[in-house]
C-alpha cells in the first residue's frame, strides 16, 4: 500500500509569513509616534547646539594700541578693566568668556594731548569667531590714558669699577670709555632726569694685559628707554706692576705748628723705609726727591718742652696710580729744651 503526500502548504513557511505580516503591521500602526520621537530628538539637539539667547557679564582687561611713534604710553589705562555684558547662544558666550578669554583693545592713532579720555566701542571687542554673540553693554564706557612725547638725546656715560687689578698689573692712567655718550630715546619727562648714565661696573679682577672690556648701560628701572650703541668699550690702561724700595726717607716735623711751644723737635726714627708699587715705567723713572714723609702739623699742637708724643706719618708727593707702604706708620716726636 503506498503513502500519499498532502498537497497543503508547509507549516514553517506559513509561520514565517505570518511573522513578517505582524512586524509590518506594527510599523504601519506606530509610524506616526516614531516620526514624532525622531523630530523631538532633532529639536532637542538643535536647542543644545544653538541655545536660547543668554546673557553673561564679565570683567575684561583693557589694552591700548598706540599707532603714533611720536608718543609713548606712560601708564596702564584707567580703569585697567571694564565690565562687559554679552548676549548670544549659551555655548558661544561660555566659550568666549570662560574658555578663550577676551579683552578690549583701544586703538589710538591721533593723539590730542598728554591726557586723553576715550569712549569705548563695541567693535573693539573681537567676537567675530563666536556666531550669534554681540556686545550688549560696556561699563564704564570710557577710559583715560596718559601719554608723553618721545624724544632722543645724547647722554654721557659714567664708568665705575669694583675689586682690584691682578697683582701683576697696575694702572698707568685713568680709565676711559668709547663712545663717551649714548643716544637715548624715550619719554621726554624721563630723559630730563638724567645728566649721565651709569655703566654696569667693570670687575678689575677680570682685566688682562689688553686692558679693554665690553660693558653696557645699567638699565635697571629704565624699561621705557632704548639706547644705542648697546655696548660700550672700557679701556683700562695697564702695565706690569713692580716694587721699588727707598731705604731711608727722612721724616719731617713742622716746627711752626705751635710757635710758642719752645725748642726744636726731634723725630725717632729720623727716617723710614718706603716701598713704592705701580706701573713699571712710572715707578722706575720716579725722582726720589719727590717723596716726602711728614708729621701732620695738627698732631704737634700743644707739645711742651721735654714732652714726647707718638704721632702718625703721611707720605706726600705720591704720583697717581701708585701705592706706597712704610715699614712703620708712626714715629715719636720729642720737643727738646732750648739751648
Protein backbone atom coordinates (compact mmCIF):
# COMPACT_ATOMS: atom_id res chain seq x y z
CA UNK A 1 0.00 0.00 0.00
CA UNK A 2 1.56 3.33 -0.92
CA UNK A 3 1.59 6.51 1.07
CA UNK A 4 0.03 9.73 -0.27
CA UNK A 5 1.68 13.26 0.24
CA UNK A 6 -0.54 16.11 1.31
CA UNK A 7 -0.76 18.86 -1.22
CA UNK A 8 -1.11 21.62 1.55
CA UNK A 9 1.47 24.39 2.33
CA UNK A 10 4.42 23.70 4.64
CA UNK A 11 3.65 24.98 8.23
CA UNK A 12 7.14 26.60 8.61
CA UNK A 13 6.57 28.73 5.55
CA UNK A 14 3.16 29.74 6.79
CA UNK A 15 4.65 30.76 10.22
CA UNK A 16 7.37 32.97 8.70
CA UNK A 17 4.86 34.74 6.54
CA UNK A 18 2.62 35.44 9.49
CA UNK A 19 5.59 36.87 11.49
CA UNK A 20 6.50 39.23 8.65
CA UNK A 21 2.94 40.42 8.38
CA UNK A 22 2.94 41.03 12.15
CA UNK A 23 6.11 43.26 12.05
CA UNK A 24 4.94 45.18 9.04
CA UNK A 25 1.65 45.79 10.69
CA UNK A 26 3.37 47.03 13.89
CA UNK A 27 5.47 49.56 11.96
CA UNK A 28 2.50 50.68 9.96
CA UNK A 29 0.44 51.18 13.06
CA UNK A 30 3.22 53.17 15.03
CA UNK A 31 4.89 55.22 12.30
CA UNK A 32 3.35 58.49 13.42
CA UNK A 33 4.62 58.00 17.01
CA UNK A 34 8.11 57.08 15.85
CA UNK A 35 8.29 60.05 13.49
CA UNK A 36 7.27 62.37 16.31
CA UNK A 37 10.01 60.95 18.57
CA UNK A 38 12.64 61.47 15.88
CA UNK A 39 11.54 65.05 15.34
CA UNK A 40 11.71 65.75 19.08
CA UNK A 41 15.26 64.37 19.24
CA UNK A 42 16.36 66.63 16.38
CA UNK A 43 14.77 69.65 18.11
CA UNK A 44 16.45 68.91 21.42
CA UNK A 45 19.84 68.51 19.70
CA UNK A 46 19.39 71.86 17.93
CA UNK A 47 18.34 73.51 21.19
CA UNK A 48 21.50 72.33 22.96
CA UNK A 49 23.67 73.29 19.99
CA UNK A 50 22.22 76.74 19.35
CA UNK A 51 20.69 77.51 22.69
CA UNK A 52 18.25 80.12 23.72
CA UNK A 53 19.72 83.66 23.91
CA UNK A 54 21.80 84.01 27.07
CA UNK A 55 23.42 86.96 28.88
CA UNK A 56 26.72 86.93 30.71
CA UNK A 57 28.62 89.86 32.32
CA UNK A 58 32.38 89.55 32.76
CA UNK A 59 35.30 91.82 33.63
CA UNK A 60 37.85 92.03 30.81
CA UNK A 61 41.23 93.80 30.58
CA UNK A 62 41.77 96.99 28.60
CA UNK A 63 44.82 97.25 26.33
CA UNK A 64 45.98 100.21 24.25
CA UNK A 65 47.36 100.03 20.71
CA UNK A 66 49.29 103.28 20.17
CA UNK A 67 49.99 103.92 16.48
CA UNK A 68 51.72 107.32 16.75
CA UNK A 69 55.54 106.90 17.06
CA UNK A 70 55.86 110.43 18.42
CA UNK A 71 54.13 109.47 21.66
CA UNK A 72 54.54 106.77 24.31
CA UNK A 73 52.06 105.32 26.79
CA UNK A 74 53.21 106.09 30.33
CA UNK A 75 50.78 104.08 32.48
CA UNK A 76 48.09 101.46 32.27
CA UNK A 77 44.71 102.80 31.16
CA UNK A 78 42.30 103.87 33.89
CA UNK A 79 40.39 101.74 34.58
CA UNK A 80 42.52 98.75 33.62
CA UNK A 81 39.42 96.51 33.34
CA UNK A 82 35.80 97.08 32.30
CA UNK A 83 32.59 95.09 32.77
CA UNK A 84 31.05 93.83 29.52
CA UNK A 85 27.63 92.18 29.08
CA UNK A 86 27.43 89.69 26.20
CA UNK A 87 24.30 88.11 24.69
CA UNK A 88 24.06 85.13 22.36
CA UNK A 89 23.94 81.33 22.29
CA UNK A 90 24.98 79.98 25.70
CA UNK A 91 27.67 77.70 24.30
CA UNK A 92 29.29 80.51 22.30
CA UNK A 93 29.04 83.03 25.16
CA UNK A 94 30.61 80.49 27.50
CA UNK A 95 33.39 79.69 25.04
CA UNK A 96 34.17 83.38 24.57
CA UNK A 97 34.14 84.46 28.19
CA UNK A 98 35.19 81.39 30.16
CA UNK A 99 37.32 79.28 27.83
CA UNK A 100 39.14 81.56 25.37
CA UNK A 101 39.11 84.80 27.34
CA UNK A 102 38.70 88.20 25.71
CA UNK A 103 39.98 91.78 26.01
CA UNK A 104 39.17 95.18 24.56
CA UNK A 105 41.91 96.88 22.55
CA UNK A 106 41.73 100.67 22.29
CA UNK A 107 43.34 101.96 19.06
CA UNK A 108 45.00 105.39 19.31
CA UNK A 109 46.11 106.98 16.05
CA UNK A 110 45.53 110.71 16.54
CA UNK A 111 46.95 111.93 19.83
CA UNK A 112 45.26 115.05 21.14
CA UNK A 113 47.48 115.61 24.17
CA UNK A 114 49.17 114.01 27.13
CA UNK A 115 45.87 113.07 28.77
CA UNK A 116 43.01 111.62 26.76
CA UNK A 117 39.55 110.28 27.63
CA UNK A 118 38.38 107.74 25.05
CA UNK A 119 34.85 106.38 24.56
CA UNK A 120 34.88 102.60 24.24
CA UNK A 121 33.29 100.96 21.21
CA UNK A 122 31.66 97.54 20.85
CA UNK A 123 33.70 96.80 17.73
CA UNK A 124 36.94 96.85 19.72
CA UNK A 125 35.98 93.54 21.34
CA UNK A 126 36.63 90.64 18.90
CA UNK A 127 33.51 88.44 18.73
CA UNK A 128 33.63 87.52 15.01
CA UNK A 129 34.58 83.91 15.75
CA UNK A 130 31.59 83.36 18.03
CA UNK A 131 28.35 83.07 15.97
CA UNK A 132 25.42 85.00 17.39
CA UNK A 133 27.37 86.73 20.19
CA UNK A 134 27.02 90.51 20.49
CA UNK A 135 28.28 93.11 22.96
CA UNK A 136 25.30 94.47 24.84
CA UNK A 137 26.93 96.96 27.24
CA UNK A 138 30.36 98.22 28.41
CA UNK A 139 30.76 99.78 31.87
CA UNK A 140 32.35 102.21 32.36
CA UNK A 141 32.02 103.44 28.82
CA UNK A 142 35.28 105.48 28.79
CA UNK A 143 38.92 105.05 29.77
CA UNK A 144 41.64 107.60 30.50
CA UNK A 145 45.20 107.25 29.19
CA UNK A 146 48.35 109.25 29.96
CA UNK A 147 50.96 109.79 27.22
CA UNK A 148 54.27 111.57 26.85
CA UNK A 149 56.24 112.88 23.90
CA UNK A 150 59.09 110.72 22.61
CA UNK A 151 62.49 112.44 22.42
CA UNK A 152 66.03 111.40 21.52
CA UNK A 153 69.05 112.92 23.29
CA UNK A 154 72.75 112.24 23.77
CA UNK A 155 73.62 111.35 27.36
CA UNK A 156 77.20 110.93 28.73
CA UNK A 157 78.05 107.57 30.28
CA UNK A 158 79.87 107.14 33.57
CA UNK A 159 82.10 104.17 34.33
CA UNK A 160 82.69 102.64 37.75
CA UNK A 161 84.95 99.78 38.76
CA UNK A 162 84.94 97.20 41.51
CA UNK A 163 87.59 94.98 43.00
CA UNK A 164 91.33 95.21 42.33
CA UNK A 165 93.60 94.55 39.40
CA UNK A 166 95.56 91.29 39.36
CA UNK A 167 98.78 91.52 41.39
CA UNK A 168 100.95 91.64 38.27
CA UNK A 169 99.19 94.68 36.75
CA UNK A 170 98.98 98.38 37.58
CA UNK A 171 97.19 101.36 36.05
CA UNK A 172 99.19 103.87 34.04
CA UNK A 173 96.43 106.49 33.64
CA UNK A 174 92.71 106.94 34.14
CA UNK A 175 90.06 104.62 32.76
CA UNK A 176 88.27 105.83 29.59
CA UNK A 177 85.21 104.80 27.58
CA UNK A 178 84.34 104.67 23.87
CA UNK A 179 81.94 106.16 22.96
CA UNK A 180 81.53 108.69 25.73
CA UNK A 181 77.82 109.22 25.02
CA UNK A 182 74.83 107.08 24.04
CA UNK A 183 71.75 108.03 22.04
CA UNK A 184 68.74 107.56 24.31
CA UNK A 185 65.13 107.55 23.12
CA UNK A 186 62.19 107.65 25.49
CA UNK A 187 59.62 109.81 27.30
CA UNK A 188 60.67 113.45 27.49
CA UNK A 189 59.78 113.68 31.18
CA UNK A 190 62.06 110.73 31.97
CA UNK A 191 65.01 111.94 29.89
CA UNK A 192 65.03 115.26 31.75
CA UNK A 193 66.07 113.41 34.90
CA UNK A 194 69.45 112.27 33.54
CA UNK A 195 72.68 114.19 33.19
CA UNK A 196 74.60 110.91 32.84
CA UNK A 197 74.02 107.16 32.76
CA UNK A 198 75.94 104.59 34.79
CA UNK A 199 77.56 101.64 33.10
CA UNK A 200 77.46 98.22 34.68
CA UNK A 201 80.55 98.21 36.95
CA UNK A 202 83.72 96.70 35.50
CA UNK A 203 85.38 93.98 37.55
CA UNK A 204 89.07 94.91 37.63
CA UNK A 205 89.96 91.38 38.68
CA UNK A 206 88.99 90.18 35.17
CA UNK A 207 91.27 92.64 33.33
CA UNK A 208 94.28 91.31 31.42
CA UNK A 209 97.21 92.96 29.63
CA UNK A 210 94.96 94.06 26.76
CA UNK A 211 93.19 96.41 29.15
CA UNK A 212 89.85 96.57 27.27
CA UNK A 213 86.48 95.16 28.32
CA UNK A 214 82.92 95.44 27.00
CA UNK A 215 80.03 96.57 29.16
CA UNK A 216 76.56 98.07 28.82
CA UNK A 217 74.49 100.79 30.39
CA UNK A 218 72.87 99.77 33.66
CA UNK A 219 69.21 99.78 32.60
CA UNK A 220 67.72 98.95 36.00
CA UNK A 221 64.47 100.91 36.21
CA UNK A 222 64.85 102.24 32.64
CA UNK A 223 62.46 99.91 30.81
CA UNK A 224 60.90 102.72 28.74
CA UNK A 225 64.25 103.83 27.29
CA UNK A 226 66.11 102.48 24.26
CA UNK A 227 69.82 103.12 23.84
CA UNK A 228 72.37 102.92 21.07
CA UNK A 229 75.00 101.65 20.91
CA UNK A 230 74.17 98.71 23.13
CA UNK A 231 77.80 98.06 24.13
CA UNK A 232 80.49 100.39 25.48
CA UNK A 233 84.24 99.71 25.36
CA UNK A 234 86.01 100.48 28.64
CA UNK A 235 89.75 100.99 28.24
CA UNK A 236 91.84 100.25 31.32
CA UNK A 237 95.47 101.15 30.56
CA UNK A 238 97.65 98.72 32.47
CA UNK A 239 101.28 97.74 32.62
CA UNK A 240 103.37 95.24 34.51
CA UNK A 241 103.48 96.11 38.18
CA UNK A 242 106.83 96.39 40.05
CA UNK A 243 108.06 97.39 43.51
CA UNK A 244 110.78 99.92 44.27
CA UNK A 245 112.27 100.33 47.73
CA UNK A 246 113.52 103.64 49.16
CA UNK A 247 115.64 102.60 52.12
CA UNK A 248 115.96 105.88 54.05
CA UNK A 249 113.50 108.72 53.63
CA UNK A 250 113.75 111.48 56.22
CA UNK A 251 110.75 112.23 58.39
CA UNK A 252 109.94 115.93 58.57
CA UNK A 253 108.19 117.56 61.51
CA UNK A 254 106.74 121.05 61.15
CA UNK A 255 108.29 123.13 63.91
CA UNK A 256 105.97 126.01 63.12
CA UNK A 257 102.86 124.13 64.19
CA UNK A 258 102.95 125.70 67.63
CA UNK A 259 105.36 128.62 67.59
CA UNK A 260 105.04 129.45 71.26
CA UNK A 261 105.90 125.96 72.45
CA UNK A 262 109.67 126.32 72.64
CA UNK A 263 112.66 124.34 71.32
CA UNK A 264 113.28 122.22 68.22
CA UNK A 265 111.66 118.88 67.52
CA UNK A 266 113.40 115.52 67.49
CA UNK A 267 111.89 112.65 65.46
CA UNK A 268 112.52 109.00 66.29
CA UNK A 269 113.23 107.26 63.99
CA UNK A 270 114.56 110.10 61.90
CA UNK A 271 113.98 108.20 58.62
CA UNK A 272 111.79 105.36 57.37
CA UNK A 273 111.83 102.82 54.57
CA UNK A 274 109.21 103.16 51.83
CA UNK A 275 108.12 100.59 49.25
CA UNK A 276 106.54 102.02 46.11
CA UNK A 277 104.30 99.89 43.85
CA UNK A 278 102.98 100.78 40.41
CA UNK A 279 103.42 100.51 36.65
CA UNK A 280 106.97 99.67 35.63
CA UNK A 281 107.58 102.76 33.52
CA UNK A 282 106.35 105.22 36.11
CA UNK A 283 107.95 103.56 39.14
CA UNK A 284 111.37 103.12 37.57
CA UNK A 285 111.58 106.77 36.44
CA UNK A 286 110.26 108.41 39.62
CA UNK A 287 112.56 111.05 41.19
CA UNK A 288 113.11 110.01 44.84
CA UNK A 289 113.19 113.66 45.89
CA UNK A 290 109.51 113.93 45.04
CA UNK A 291 108.52 111.84 48.06
CA UNK A 292 108.27 113.45 51.49
CA UNK A 293 107.39 111.80 54.80
CA UNK A 294 105.88 114.34 57.18
CA UNK A 295 104.18 114.58 60.55
CA UNK A 296 100.83 116.41 60.22
CA UNK A 297 101.19 119.79 61.99
CA UNK A 298 97.91 119.34 63.86
CA UNK A 299 99.42 116.32 65.66
CA UNK A 300 102.08 118.53 67.31
CA UNK A 301 99.87 121.26 68.72
CA UNK A 302 100.37 121.63 72.48
CA UNK A 303 103.56 119.57 72.62
CA UNK A 304 105.51 121.03 75.55
CA UNK A 305 109.22 121.24 76.27
CA UNK A 306 110.78 117.85 77.03
CA UNK A 307 107.47 116.23 76.16
CA UNK A 308 107.23 113.45 73.61
CA UNK A 309 104.29 112.13 71.60
CA UNK A 310 103.70 109.20 69.22
CA UNK A 311 102.15 110.55 66.05
CA UNK A 312 101.22 109.20 62.57
CA UNK A 313 103.24 109.96 59.45
CA UNK A 314 101.99 110.86 55.96
CA UNK A 315 103.70 110.33 52.59
CA UNK A 316 103.37 113.32 50.27
CA UNK A 317 104.24 113.68 46.59
CA UNK A 318 102.96 110.22 45.61
CA UNK A 319 102.04 110.12 41.90
CA UNK A 320 98.61 108.93 40.78
CA UNK A 321 98.05 105.21 40.27
CA UNK A 322 100.86 104.26 42.68
CA UNK A 323 100.69 102.87 46.18
CA UNK A 324 103.20 103.17 48.99
CA UNK A 325 103.80 101.28 52.20
CA UNK A 326 106.08 102.16 55.09
CA UNK A 327 107.97 99.96 57.50
CA UNK A 328 106.36 102.00 60.31
CA UNK A 329 103.26 104.13 60.35
CA UNK A 330 104.02 106.19 63.48
CA UNK A 331 107.03 107.96 64.95
CA UNK A 332 107.87 109.56 68.29
CA UNK A 333 108.32 113.32 68.31
CA UNK A 334 110.08 114.98 71.29
CA UNK A 335 110.34 118.70 71.87
CA UNK A 336 113.87 119.47 73.05
CA UNK A 337 114.78 122.14 75.56
CA UNK A 338 116.07 125.36 74.13
CA UNK A 339 119.90 125.57 74.06
